Amino acid sequence: MILQPGECWLEAAFDGQPIGRWPVTTRVGEVVTRSVTVTWPPDPTAVGATTSSADSYYRVRVTSVRNQPHAGTVNVSRLDHGDGADSSLEWTRKEGRWAAEYLALEEAGDYRISLQLDPPYSYRGPERLTLGGHLDEQLLDFTIDDDAPVSSVFLSPHSAESGEELLAFEAELTTRDGSLFEADDFHVPGLPVARVHPRNVPFFWTCIAPGRQAACGRWDPDGGDGDIRIEFDVERGWGKFLSVVGHDYQALEGVAVFLDDVPAGSTHSDGRLCLGAKVRPQLITLRYRDWRIDDGMVAADGSYDDSETELNVYLAPPAR
C-alpha cells in the first residue's frame, strides 16, 4: 500500500549487484504493481550450469571524484583479435554515493579494457585484464577525474590565399588513442565543435573543407582557462583523412604514408594523418614493418576509394 505518492525508482539487485532500475509513479492508497524482466550471471554451482572451466568472472566499478554520474561505456576487447563488447554505464546512488557496477563472465585470455566517456574525462583504472579460467571474481575499479575545469572547443580555418574564414567545413576530435569523441560533417564558424571538454585532456583535431587540403594538429593542456580556440590556414587542393588500425582494431602509430611515392608523413598515436596535395594523387602507399593491407579503402596496389572524406585502412602482420 502506497503511503507517500510521487515519482520513484524501483531497483532490483542480485548478490549486491544492481540488475535493473525502472521509473514508477505512486499514488496514495493504491497498490502499484510493476512487472519487470531481469537477467543475471549464471550460478556456476547450479545443476546443469553451462559455465566453462575456461570462464572467469570480473566486476567493474566506476565512481567519480565529484561523486557525479556520467554517460559512457566500458569497452573490453581481446588483445589477440580485437573482438569484445561495450557495456553502458548504469549508475545507481547508495548512501549518497554514485557508482556504476556490473558483473560479467568471459573466457580465459588477455583483454584490453577502457572507458569511453562523454565528456571525455580522464580516469584512473586498469588498462589490461587477464582472465585465467577460474571463477574467483576480479574487481576492476575506475575513478573518473571530473574535477578538472571544462571549456568549449572552436576550430577556425582560414583561406591560405585570402585570409578569409571558411564558411563550412568538416571537423573531428579524437583522443590520443584514436577514440572519436566529436564529429561534424557540416560545421560552421562560431559554433563549438565540442561544447564541454576537460582542460586536462589532450586531443587531436582534423579539419577539411571542399576544394581544400586537410589540416590537423594536436592540442595539449596549457594551464589556461576559457574557450579553446584553434586558428589555422588551409590551402586549395585535394585532401583526405587517413585512419589506420591493426588487426585488433587499435590505432596504429608510425605508419609511413606516401602519395605517388612522395612522403606525406606518419600516423599519430590516434592512427590518423591528414593528407593534402595540390592535385589528386594516383597512389597512396602505406609502410609499417612487414605488415600488409588487409581491408579498407586503400588497396594493396595503392589505388583507393575517393568517394569518402575519410579513408579507413586495416593492416595485419603476415601469417607466421
C-alpha atoms as a PDB file:
ATOM      1  CA  MET A   1       0.000   0.000   0.000  1.00  0.00           C
ATOM      2  CA  ILE A   2       1.411   3.413  -1.027  1.00  0.00           C
ATOM      3  CA  LEU A   3       1.644   5.970   1.789  1.00  0.00           C
ATOM      4  CA  GLN A   4       3.831   8.562   0.047  1.00  0.00           C
ATOM      5  CA  PRO A   5       2.966   9.496  -3.575  1.00  0.00           C
ATOM      6  CA  GLY A   6       5.342  10.710  -6.277  1.00  0.00           C
ATOM      7  CA  GLU A   7       7.807   9.725  -8.965  1.00  0.00           C
ATOM      8  CA  CYS A   8      10.010   6.879  -7.692  1.00  0.00           C
ATOM      9  CA  TRP A   9      12.539   4.358  -8.895  1.00  0.00           C
ATOM     10  CA  LEU A  10      12.139   0.610  -8.495  1.00  0.00           C
ATOM     11  CA  GLU A  11      15.514  -1.101  -8.220  1.00  0.00           C
ATOM     12  CA  ALA A  12      16.431  -4.795  -8.309  1.00  0.00           C
ATOM     13  CA  ALA A  13      19.720  -6.305  -7.162  1.00  0.00           C
ATOM     14  CA  PHE A  14      21.316  -9.750  -7.265  1.00  0.00           C
ATOM     15  CA  ASP A  15      24.119 -10.653  -4.876  1.00  0.00           C
ATOM     16  CA  GLY A  16      24.521  -6.972  -4.095  1.00  0.00           C
ATOM     17  CA  GLN A  17      24.809  -6.106  -7.793  1.00  0.00           C
ATOM     18  CA  PRO A  18      22.182  -3.761  -9.359  1.00  0.00           C
ATOM     19  CA  ILE A  19      20.491  -5.540 -12.283  1.00  0.00           C
ATOM     20  CA  GLY A  20      17.689  -3.150 -13.129  1.00  0.00           C
ATOM     21  CA  ARG A  21      16.097   0.224 -12.454  1.00  0.00           C
ATOM     22  CA  TRP A  22      12.631   1.362 -13.601  1.00  0.00           C
ATOM     23  CA  PRO A  23      10.517   4.523 -13.073  1.00  0.00           C
ATOM     24  CA  VAL A  24       7.294   4.099 -11.081  1.00  0.00           C
ATOM     25  CA  THR A  25       4.517   6.614 -10.357  1.00  0.00           C
ATOM     26  CA  THR A  26       2.854   6.078  -6.969  1.00  0.00           C
ATOM     27  CA  ARG A  27      -0.467   7.374  -5.611  1.00  0.00           C
ATOM     28  CA  VAL A  28      -1.756   7.445  -2.035  1.00  0.00           C
ATOM     29  CA  GLY A  29      -3.858   4.452  -1.063  1.00  0.00           C
ATOM     30  CA  GLU A  30      -3.173   2.480  -4.232  1.00  0.00           C
ATOM     31  CA  VAL A  31      -1.269  -0.749  -4.756  1.00  0.00           C
ATOM     32  CA  VAL A  32       1.264  -0.363  -7.559  1.00  0.00           C
ATOM     33  CA  THR A  33       2.346  -3.482  -9.447  1.00  0.00           C
ATOM     34  CA  ARG A  34       5.214  -3.391 -11.918  1.00  0.00           C
ATOM     35  CA  SER A  35       6.323  -6.395 -13.987  1.00  0.00           C
ATOM     36  CA  VAL A  36       9.999  -6.343 -14.895  1.00  0.00           C
ATOM     37  CA  THR A  37      12.442  -8.575 -16.721  1.00  0.00           C
ATOM     38  CA  VAL A  38      15.981  -9.006 -15.425  1.00  0.00           C
ATOM     39  CA  THR A  39      18.951 -11.214 -16.215  1.00  0.00           C
ATOM     40  CA  TRP A  40      21.923 -12.090 -14.064  1.00  0.00           C
ATOM     41  CA  PRO A  41      25.118 -14.119 -14.419  1.00  0.00           C
ATOM     42  CA  PRO A  42      24.664 -17.907 -14.271  1.00  0.00           C
ATOM     43  CA  ASP A  43      25.298 -19.684 -10.979  1.00  0.00           C
ATOM     44  CA  PRO A  44      28.385 -21.843 -11.603  1.00  0.00           C
ATOM     45  CA  THR A  45      27.277 -24.225  -8.804  1.00  0.00           C
ATOM     46  CA  ALA A  46      23.823 -24.844 -10.218  1.00  0.00           C
ATOM     47  CA  VAL A  47      22.912 -28.244 -11.664  1.00  0.00           C
ATOM     48  CA  GLY A  48      23.258 -28.155 -15.432  1.00  0.00           C
ATOM     49  CA  ALA A  49      25.149 -24.835 -15.424  1.00  0.00           C
ATOM     50  CA  THR A  50      26.899 -24.193 -18.738  1.00  0.00           C
ATOM     51  CA  THR A  51      29.821 -22.225 -17.312  1.00  0.00           C
ATOM     52  CA  SER A  52      33.061 -23.462 -18.856  1.00  0.00           C
ATOM     53  CA  SER A  53      36.142 -24.213 -16.780  1.00  0.00           C
ATOM     54  CA  ALA A  54      37.863 -21.668 -19.031  1.00  0.00           C
ATOM     55  CA  ASP A  55      35.475 -18.874 -17.972  1.00  0.00           C
ATOM     56  CA  SER A  56      36.133 -16.194 -15.359  1.00  0.00           C
ATOM     57  CA  TYR A  57      34.073 -13.563 -13.600  1.00  0.00           C
ATOM     58  CA  TYR A  58      35.073  -9.925 -13.323  1.00  0.00           C
ATOM     59  CA  ARG A  59      33.287  -6.976 -11.781  1.00  0.00           C
ATOM     60  CA  VAL A  60      33.643  -3.390 -12.998  1.00  0.00           C
ATOM     61  CA  ARG A  61      33.013  -0.484 -10.633  1.00  0.00           C
ATOM     62  CA  VAL A  62      33.144   3.154 -11.767  1.00  0.00           C
ATOM     63  CA  THR A  63      32.986   6.202  -9.496  1.00  0.00           C
ATOM     64  CA  SER A  64      33.947   9.854  -9.923  1.00  0.00           C
ATOM     65  CA  VAL A  65      35.963  12.389  -7.944  1.00  0.00           C
ATOM     66  CA  ARG A  66      32.983  14.763  -7.698  1.00  0.00           C
ATOM     67  CA  ASN A  67      30.513  11.953  -6.972  1.00  0.00           C
ATOM     68  CA  GLN A  68      28.551  12.564 -10.176  1.00  0.00           C
ATOM     69  CA  PRO A  69      27.202  10.120 -12.799  1.00  0.00           C
ATOM     70  CA  HIS A  70      28.473  10.458 -16.383  1.00  0.00           C
ATOM     71  CA  ALA A  71      27.408   8.935 -19.668  1.00  0.00           C
ATOM     72  CA  GLY A  72      29.792   6.381 -21.114  1.00  0.00           C
ATOM     73  CA  THR A  73      30.640   2.787 -21.865  1.00  0.00           C
ATOM     74  CA  VAL A  74      33.158   0.184 -20.750  1.00  0.00           C
ATOM     75  CA  ASN A  75      34.963  -1.449 -23.669  1.00  0.00           C
ATOM     76  CA  VAL A  76      36.502  -4.896 -23.193  1.00  0.00           C
ATOM     77  CA  SER A  77      38.287  -6.468 -26.189  1.00  0.00           C
ATOM     78  CA  ARG A  78      40.641  -9.388 -26.759  1.00  0.00           C
ATOM     79  CA  LEU A  79      44.279  -8.471 -27.330  1.00  0.00           C
ATOM     80  CA  ASP A  80      44.778 -11.185 -29.927  1.00  0.00           C
ATOM     81  CA  HIS A  81      41.927 -10.407 -32.313  1.00  0.00           C
ATOM     82  CA  GLY A  82      40.102  -7.332 -31.036  1.00  0.00           C
ATOM     83  CA  ASP A  83      36.680  -8.940 -30.529  1.00  0.00           C
ATOM     84  CA  GLY A  84      34.834  -7.708 -27.480  1.00  0.00           C
ATOM     85  CA  ALA A  85      31.827  -5.832 -26.196  1.00  0.00           C
ATOM     86  CA  ASP A  86      30.707  -2.434 -24.924  1.00  0.00           C
ATOM     87  CA  SER A  87      28.644  -2.085 -21.751  1.00  0.00           C
ATOM     88  CA  SER A  88      26.842   1.158 -20.975  1.00  0.00           C
ATOM     89  CA  LEU A  89      27.401   2.705 -17.566  1.00  0.00           C
ATOM     90  CA  GLU A  90      24.267   2.298 -15.458  1.00  0.00           C
ATOM     91  CA  TRP A  91      24.552   4.492 -12.367  1.00  0.00           C
ATOM     92  CA  THR A  92      22.855   3.980  -9.032  1.00  0.00           C
ATOM     93  CA  ARG A  93      23.053   6.005  -5.839  1.00  0.00           C
ATOM     94  CA  LYS A  94      23.502   4.312  -2.485  1.00  0.00           C
ATOM     95  CA  GLU A  95      24.011   6.114   0.794  1.00  0.00           C
ATOM     96  CA  GLY A  96      24.762   9.319  -1.087  1.00  0.00           C
ATOM     97  CA  ARG A  97      27.419   7.799  -3.383  1.00  0.00           C
ATOM     98  CA  TRP A  98      27.016   7.347  -7.142  1.00  0.00           C
ATOM     99  CA  ALA A  99      28.545   4.241  -8.733  1.00  0.00           C
ATOM    100  CA  ALA A 100      28.175   2.220 -11.927  1.00  0.00           C
ATOM    101  CA  GLU A 101      28.767  -1.508 -11.490  1.00  0.00           C
ATOM    102  CA  TYR A 102      28.240  -4.716 -13.376  1.00  0.00           C
ATOM    103  CA  LEU A 103      29.333  -8.343 -13.224  1.00  0.00           C
ATOM    104  CA  ALA A 104      30.453 -10.180 -16.374  1.00  0.00           C
ATOM    105  CA  LEU A 105      31.673 -13.606 -17.426  1.00  0.00           C
ATOM    106  CA  GLU A 106      34.292 -14.088 -20.161  1.00  0.00           C
ATOM    107  CA  GLU A 107      36.506 -16.882 -21.405  1.00  0.00           C
ATOM    108  CA  ALA A 108      40.128 -17.040 -20.292  1.00  0.00           C
ATOM    109  CA  GLY A 109      42.514 -14.738 -22.111  1.00  0.00           C
ATOM    110  CA  ASP A 110      44.133 -11.321 -22.179  1.00  0.00           C
ATOM    111  CA  TYR A 111      41.883  -8.314 -22.671  1.00  0.00           C
ATOM    112  CA  ARG A 112      42.159  -4.588 -23.179  1.00  0.00           C
ATOM    113  CA  ILE A 113      39.736  -2.552 -21.048  1.00  0.00           C
ATOM    114  CA  SER A 114      38.907   1.149 -21.289  1.00  0.00           C
ATOM    115  CA  LEU A 115      36.245   3.744 -20.564  1.00  0.00           C
ATOM    116  CA  GLN A 116      34.662   5.855 -23.296  1.00  0.00           C
ATOM    117  CA  LEU A 117      33.177   8.876 -21.540  1.00  0.00           C
ATOM    118  CA  ASP A 118      31.035  11.822 -22.558  1.00  0.00           C
ATOM    119  CA  PRO A 119      32.543  14.341 -21.920  1.00  0.00           C
ATOM    120  CA  PRO A 120      35.900  12.561 -22.428  1.00  0.00           C
ATOM    121  CA  TYR A 121      37.203  12.968 -18.874  1.00  0.00           C
ATOM    122  CA  SER A 122      40.471  11.334 -17.904  1.00  0.00           C
ATOM    123  CA  TYR A 123      40.257   8.482 -15.441  1.00  0.00           C
ATOM    124  CA  ARG A 124      42.317   6.139 -13.298  1.00  0.00           C
ATOM    125  CA  GLY A 125      41.991   2.397 -13.634  1.00  0.00           C
ATOM    126  CA  PRO A 126      43.441  -0.772 -15.183  1.00  0.00           C
ATOM    127  CA  GLU A 127      44.249  -0.976 -18.905  1.00  0.00           C
ATOM    128  CA  ARG A 128      44.604  -4.763 -19.120  1.00  0.00           C
ATOM    129  CA  LEU A 129      42.583  -7.689 -17.830  1.00  0.00           C
ATOM    130  CA  THR A 130      43.897 -11.245 -17.637  1.00  0.00           C
ATOM    131  CA  LEU A 131      41.350 -13.995 -17.052  1.00  0.00           C
ATOM    132  CA  GLY A 132      42.865 -17.327 -16.117  1.00  0.00           C
ATOM    133  CA  GLY A 133      39.870 -19.612 -16.332  1.00  0.00           C
ATOM    134  CA  HIS A 134      38.924 -19.588 -12.642  1.00  0.00           C
ATOM    135  CA  LEU A 135      35.641 -18.472 -11.115  1.00  0.00           C
ATOM    136  CA  ASP A 136      37.152 -16.197  -8.482  1.00  0.00           C
ATOM    137  CA  GLU A 137      35.785 -12.737  -9.155  1.00  0.00           C
ATOM    138  CA  GLN A 138      38.187  -9.930 -10.098  1.00  0.00           C
ATOM    139  CA  LEU A 139      37.312  -6.345  -9.194  1.00  0.00           C
ATOM    140  CA  LEU A 140      38.261  -3.599 -11.665  1.00  0.00           C
ATOM    141  CA  ASP A 141      37.993  -0.149 -10.084  1.00  0.00           C
ATOM    142  CA  PHE A 142      37.841   3.058 -12.173  1.00  0.00           C
ATOM    143  CA  THR A 143      37.729   6.651 -10.917  1.00  0.00           C
ATOM    144  CA  ILE A 144      36.680   9.437 -13.297  1.00  0.00           C
ATOM    145  CA  ASP A 145      38.600  12.700 -12.850  1.00  0.00           C
ATOM    146  CA  ASP A 146      35.666  15.076 -13.324  1.00  0.00           C
ATOM    147  CA  ASP A 147      37.200  17.751 -11.091  1.00  0.00           C
ATOM    148  CA  ALA A 148      39.081  19.367 -13.995  1.00  0.00           C
ATOM    149  CA  PRO A 149      37.790  22.659 -15.467  1.00  0.00           C
ATOM    150  CA  VAL A 150      35.959  22.355 -18.787  1.00  0.00           C
ATOM    151  CA  SER A 151      35.907  24.534 -21.894  1.00  0.00           C
ATOM    152  CA  SER A 152      34.330  24.698 -25.331  1.00  0.00           C
ATOM    153  CA  VAL A 153      36.489  23.898 -28.374  1.00  0.00           C
ATOM    154  CA  PHE A 154      36.351  26.061 -31.512  1.00  0.00           C
ATOM    155  CA  LEU A 155      38.096  25.471 -34.840  1.00  0.00           C
ATOM    156  CA  SER A 156      38.631  28.452 -37.104  1.00  0.00           C
ATOM    157  CA  PRO A 157      40.023  27.589 -40.570  1.00  0.00           C
ATOM    158  CA  HIS A 158      41.046  30.398 -42.906  1.00  0.00           C
ATOM    159  CA  SER A 159      41.827  30.510 -46.588  1.00  0.00           C
ATOM    160  CA  ALA A 160      45.600  30.452 -47.088  1.00  0.00           C
ATOM    161  CA  GLU A 161      45.135  32.630 -50.179  1.00  0.00           C
ATOM    162  CA  SER A 162      42.800  35.374 -48.912  1.00  0.00           C
ATOM    163  CA  GLY A 163      42.867  35.001 -45.134  1.00  0.00           C
ATOM    164  CA  GLU A 164      39.081  34.860 -45.012  1.00  0.00           C
ATOM    165  CA  GLU A 165      37.391  32.464 -42.604  1.00  0.00           C
ATOM    166  CA  LEU A 166      35.855  29.418 -44.296  1.00  0.00           C
ATOM    167  CA  LEU A 167      32.081  29.268 -44.095  1.00  0.00           C
ATOM    168  CA  ALA A 168      31.687  25.488 -43.804  1.00  0.00           C
ATOM    169  CA  PHE A 169      33.967  22.561 -43.045  1.00  0.00           C
ATOM    170  CA  GLU A 170      34.122  19.027 -41.647  1.00  0.00           C
ATOM    171  CA  ALA A 171      35.692  18.559 -38.203  1.00  0.00           C
ATOM    172  CA  GLU A 172      36.659  15.704 -35.895  1.00  0.00           C
ATOM    173  CA  LEU A 173      38.220  15.480 -32.439  1.00  0.00           C
ATOM    174  CA  THR A 174      39.902  12.303 -31.200  1.00  0.00           C
ATOM    175  CA  THR A 175      41.692  11.242 -28.048  1.00  0.00           C
ATOM    176  CA  ARG A 176      45.336  10.164 -28.092  1.00  0.00           C
ATOM    177  CA  ASP A 177      44.393   6.505 -28.571  1.00  0.00           C
ATOM    178  CA  GLY A 178      42.139   7.220 -31.537  1.00  0.00           C
ATOM    179  CA  SER A 179      38.732   7.320 -29.864  1.00  0.00           C
ATOM    180  CA  LEU A 180      36.451   9.712 -31.745  1.00  0.00           C
ATOM    181  CA  PHE A 181      34.512  11.910 -29.320  1.00  0.00           C
ATOM    182  CA  GLU A 182      33.252  14.730 -31.527  1.00  0.00           C
ATOM    183  CA  ALA A 183      32.489  14.846 -35.257  1.00  0.00           C
ATOM    184  CA  ASP A 184      30.504  17.126 -37.528  1.00  0.00           C
ATOM    185  CA  ASP A 185      30.158  16.595 -41.282  1.00  0.00           C
ATOM    186  CA  PHE A 186      28.936  20.171 -41.785  1.00  0.00           C
ATOM    187  CA  HIS A 187      30.270  22.679 -39.318  1.00  0.00           C
ATOM    188  CA  VAL A 188      30.134  26.461 -39.406  1.00  0.00           C
ATOM    189  CA  PRO A 189      32.359  29.083 -37.743  1.00  0.00           C
ATOM    190  CA  GLY A 190      31.243  30.478 -34.412  1.00  0.00           C
ATOM    191  CA  LEU A 191      29.814  27.201 -33.112  1.00  0.00           C
ATOM    192  CA  PRO A 192      31.901  24.940 -30.851  1.00  0.00           C
ATOM    193  CA  VAL A 193      32.983  21.557 -32.172  1.00  0.00           C
ATOM    194  CA  ALA A 194      32.852  20.379 -28.545  1.00  0.00           C
ATOM    195  CA  ARG A 195      30.729  22.271 -26.041  1.00  0.00           C
ATOM    196  CA  VAL A 196      32.272  20.618 -22.962  1.00  0.00           C
ATOM    197  CA  HIS A 197      35.858  19.397 -22.941  1.00  0.00           C
ATOM    198  CA  PRO A 198      38.030  18.788 -19.838  1.00  0.00           C
ATOM    199  CA  ARG A 199      41.047  21.083 -19.944  1.00  0.00           C
ATOM    200  CA  ASN A 200      43.422  18.380 -18.674  1.00  0.00           C
ATOM    201  CA  VAL A 201      42.730  16.057 -21.632  1.00  0.00           C
ATOM    202  CA  PRO A 202      44.805  16.466 -24.832  1.00  0.00           C
ATOM    203  CA  PHE A 203      43.224  15.771 -28.205  1.00  0.00           C
ATOM    204  CA  PHE A 204      43.905  15.630 -31.925  1.00  0.00           C
ATOM    205  CA  TRP A 205      41.824  17.733 -34.293  1.00  0.00           C
ATOM    206  CA  THR A 206      41.222  17.370 -38.031  1.00  0.00           C
ATOM    207  CA  CYS A 207      39.523  19.709 -40.475  1.00  0.00           C
ATOM    208  CA  ILE A 208      38.692  19.565 -44.170  1.00  0.00           C
ATOM    209  CA  ALA A 209      36.667  21.794 -46.475  1.00  0.00           C
ATOM    210  CA  PRO A 210      35.530  21.317 -50.077  1.00  0.00           C
ATOM    211  CA  GLY A 211      38.361  22.035 -52.524  1.00  0.00           C
ATOM    212  CA  ARG A 212      40.897  22.322 -49.700  1.00  0.00           C
ATOM    213  CA  GLN A 213      43.752  20.244 -48.370  1.00  0.00           C
ATOM    214  CA  ALA A 214      43.156  18.630 -44.998  1.00  0.00           C
ATOM    215  CA  ALA A 215      44.548  20.239 -41.835  1.00  0.00           C
ATOM    216  CA  CYS A 216      45.198  18.620 -38.471  1.00  0.00           C
ATOM    217  CA  GLY A 217      47.018  19.186 -35.220  1.00  0.00           C
ATOM    218  CA  ARG A 218      47.213  18.359 -31.537  1.00  0.00           C
ATOM    219  CA  TRP A 219      46.099  20.417 -28.564  1.00  0.00           C
ATOM    220  CA  ASP A 220      47.824  19.901 -25.219  1.00  0.00           C
ATOM    221  CA  PRO A 221      46.745  21.242 -21.819  1.00  0.00           C
ATOM    222  CA  ASP A 222      48.194  24.708 -21.327  1.00  0.00           C
ATOM    223  CA  GLY A 223      47.085  25.554 -17.801  1.00  0.00           C
ATOM    224  CA  GLY A 224      44.756  28.230 -19.116  1.00  0.00           C
ATOM    225  CA  ASP A 225      41.031  28.773 -18.846  1.00  0.00           C
ATOM    226  CA  GLY A 226      38.258  29.975 -21.103  1.00  0.00           C
ATOM    227  CA  ASP A 227      37.405  28.658 -24.560  1.00  0.00           C
ATOM    228  CA  ILE A 228      39.915  26.650 -26.574  1.00  0.00           C
ATOM    229  CA  ARG A 229      40.226  28.396 -29.962  1.00  0.00           C
ATOM    230  CA  ILE A 230      42.397  26.935 -32.709  1.00  0.00           C
ATOM    231  CA  GLU A 231      43.020  29.068 -35.817  1.00  0.00           C
ATOM    232  CA  PHE A 232      44.865  27.842 -38.903  1.00  0.00           C
ATOM    233  CA  ASP A 233      45.193  28.260 -42.672  1.00  0.00           C
ATOM    234  CA  VAL A 234      44.202  25.695 -45.280  1.00  0.00           C
ATOM    235  CA  GLU A 235      45.382  25.631 -48.884  1.00  0.00           C
ATOM    236  CA  ARG A 236      43.442  24.828 -52.017  1.00  0.00           C
ATOM    237  CA  GLY A 237      43.813  21.335 -53.408  1.00  0.00           C
ATOM    238  CA  TRP A 238      42.983  17.717 -52.658  1.00  0.00           C
ATOM    239  CA  GLY A 239      42.543  16.493 -49.073  1.00  0.00           C
ATOM    240  CA  LYS A 240      41.543  13.404 -47.076  1.00  0.00           C
ATOM    241  CA  PHE A 241      41.666  11.995 -43.548  1.00  0.00           C
ATOM    242  CA  LEU A 242      43.541   8.701 -43.260  1.00  0.00           C
ATOM    243  CA  SER A 243      42.757   6.358 -40.348  1.00  0.00           C
ATOM    244  CA  VAL A 244      44.843   3.200 -39.862  1.00  0.00           C
ATOM    245  CA  VAL A 245      44.162   0.395 -37.367  1.00  0.00           C
ATOM    246  CA  GLY A 246      45.709  -3.008 -36.781  1.00  0.00           C
ATOM    247  CA  HIS A 247      44.186  -6.476 -36.877  1.00  0.00           C
ATOM    248  CA  ASP A 248      42.985  -5.897 -33.291  1.00  0.00           C
ATOM    249  CA  TYR A 249      41.184  -2.699 -34.360  1.00  0.00           C
ATOM    250  CA  GLN A 250      43.525  -0.490 -32.338  1.00  0.00           C
ATOM    251  CA  ALA A 251      45.032   2.702 -33.774  1.00  0.00           C
ATOM    252  CA  LEU A 252      48.467   2.249 -35.353  1.00  0.00           C
ATOM    253  CA  GLU A 253      51.095   4.912 -34.762  1.00  0.00           C
ATOM    254  CA  GLY A 254      54.115   5.346 -37.041  1.00  0.00           C
ATOM    255  CA  VAL A 255      52.647   4.107 -40.334  1.00  0.00           C
ATOM    256  CA  ALA A 256      54.633   5.837 -43.101  1.00  0.00           C
ATOM    257  CA  VAL A 257      52.394   7.220 -45.854  1.00  0.00           C
ATOM    258  CA  PHE A 258      53.390   8.140 -49.407  1.00  0.00           C
ATOM    259  CA  LEU A 259      51.425   9.993 -52.101  1.00  0.00           C
ATOM    260  CA  ASP A 260      52.726   8.945 -55.526  1.00  0.00           C
ATOM    261  CA  ASP A 261      55.945   7.829 -53.760  1.00  0.00           C
ATOM    262  CA  VAL A 262      56.379  11.250 -52.084  1.00  0.00           C
ATOM    263  CA  PRO A 263      56.493  11.078 -48.239  1.00  0.00           C
ATOM    264  CA  ALA A 264      53.336  12.550 -46.692  1.00  0.00           C
ATOM    265  CA  GLY A 265      54.170  11.840 -43.034  1.00  0.00           C
ATOM    266  CA  SER A 266      53.389   9.149 -40.467  1.00  0.00           C
ATOM    267  CA  THR A 267      50.256   8.411 -38.492  1.00  0.00           C
ATOM    268  CA  HIS A 268      49.998   9.805 -34.956  1.00  0.00           C
ATOM    269  CA  SER A 269      49.068   7.888 -31.809  1.00  0.00           C
ATOM    270  CA  ASP A 270      45.405   8.143 -32.808  1.00  0.00           C
ATOM    271  CA  GLY A 271      46.224   6.274 -36.028  1.00  0.00           C
ATOM    272  CA  ARG A 272      45.357   9.279 -38.181  1.00  0.00           C
ATOM    273  CA  LEU A 273      47.073  11.531 -40.676  1.00  0.00           C
ATOM    274  CA  CYS A 274      45.823  14.451 -42.736  1.00  0.00           C
ATOM    275  CA  LEU A 275      46.617  14.183 -46.427  1.00  0.00           C
ATOM    276  CA  GLY A 276      46.948  17.108 -48.774  1.00  0.00           C
ATOM    277  CA  ALA A 277      48.231  17.791 -52.274  1.00  0.00           C
ATOM    278  CA  LYS A 278      47.825  20.382 -55.000  1.00  0.00           C
ATOM    279  CA  VAL A 279      46.306  17.732 -57.274  1.00  0.00           C
ATOM    280  CA  ARG A 280      44.777  14.339 -56.595  1.00  0.00           C
ATOM    281  CA  PRO A 281      47.480  11.649 -56.220  1.00  0.00           C
ATOM    282  CA  GLN A 282      47.118   8.440 -58.201  1.00  0.00           C
ATOM    283  CA  LEU A 283      48.501   6.150 -55.497  1.00  0.00           C
ATOM    284  CA  ILE A 284      48.559   6.029 -51.693  1.00  0.00           C
ATOM    285  CA  THR A 285      51.185   3.700 -50.241  1.00  0.00           C
ATOM    286  CA  LEU A 286      51.487   2.581 -46.608  1.00  0.00           C
ATOM    287  CA  ARG A 287      54.584   1.070 -44.967  1.00  0.00           C
ATOM    288  CA  TYR A 288      54.605  -0.431 -41.490  1.00  0.00           C
ATOM    289  CA  ARG A 289      57.039  -3.193 -40.505  1.00  0.00           C
ATOM    290  CA  ASP A 290      56.286  -6.186 -42.738  1.00  0.00           C
ATOM    291  CA  TRP A 291      52.527  -5.740 -42.384  1.00  0.00           C
ATOM    292  CA  ARG A 292      50.165  -5.668 -45.318  1.00  0.00           C
ATOM    293  CA  ILE A 293      46.829  -4.049 -46.112  1.00  0.00           C
ATOM    294  CA  ASP A 294      44.115  -6.455 -45.032  1.00  0.00           C
ATOM    295  CA  ASP A 295      40.995  -4.405 -45.753  1.00  0.00           C
ATOM    296  CA  GLY A 296      39.742  -0.868 -46.143  1.00  0.00           C
ATOM    297  CA  MET A 297      39.505   1.915 -48.694  1.00  0.00           C
ATOM    298  CA  VAL A 298      43.130   1.742 -49.898  1.00  0.00           C
ATOM    299  CA  ALA A 299      44.125  -1.320 -51.922  1.00  0.00           C
ATOM    300  CA  ALA A 300      47.448  -3.135 -51.826  1.00  0.00           C
ATOM    301  CA  ASP A 301      48.351  -1.680 -55.245  1.00  0.00           C
ATOM    302  CA  GLY A 302      47.885   1.890 -53.958  1.00  0.00           C
ATOM    303  CA  SER A 303      44.557   2.619 -55.612  1.00  0.00           C
ATOM    304  CA  TYR A 304      41.878   3.999 -53.304  1.00  0.00           C
ATOM    305  CA  ASP A 305      38.198   4.779 -52.937  1.00  0.00           C
ATOM    306  CA  ASP A 306      37.802   8.521 -53.363  1.00  0.00           C
ATOM    307  CA  SER A 307      34.090   8.679 -52.508  1.00  0.00           C
ATOM    308  CA  GLU A 308      34.507   9.458 -48.797  1.00  0.00           C
ATOM    309  CA  THR A 309      36.340  12.173 -46.881  1.00  0.00           C
ATOM    310  CA  GLU A 310      37.948   9.622 -44.556  1.00  0.00           C
ATOM    311  CA  LEU A 311      39.993   6.665 -45.778  1.00  0.00           C
ATOM    312  CA  ASN A 312      39.891   3.755 -43.310  1.00  0.00           C
ATOM    313  CA  VAL A 313      42.619   1.120 -43.666  1.00  0.00           C
ATOM    314  CA  TYR A 314      43.225  -2.138 -41.766  1.00  0.00           C
ATOM    315  CA  LEU A 315      46.730  -3.588 -41.564  1.00  0.00           C
ATOM    316  CA  ALA A 316      47.710  -7.095 -40.455  1.00  0.00           C
ATOM    317  CA  PRO A 317      51.005  -8.916 -39.920  1.00  0.00           C
ATOM    318  CA  PRO A 318      51.872 -11.762 -42.291  1.00  0.00           C
ATOM    319  CA  ALA A 319      50.798 -15.251 -41.343  1.00  0.00           C
ATOM    320  CA  ARG A 320      53.511 -16.950 -39.266  1.00  0.00           C
END
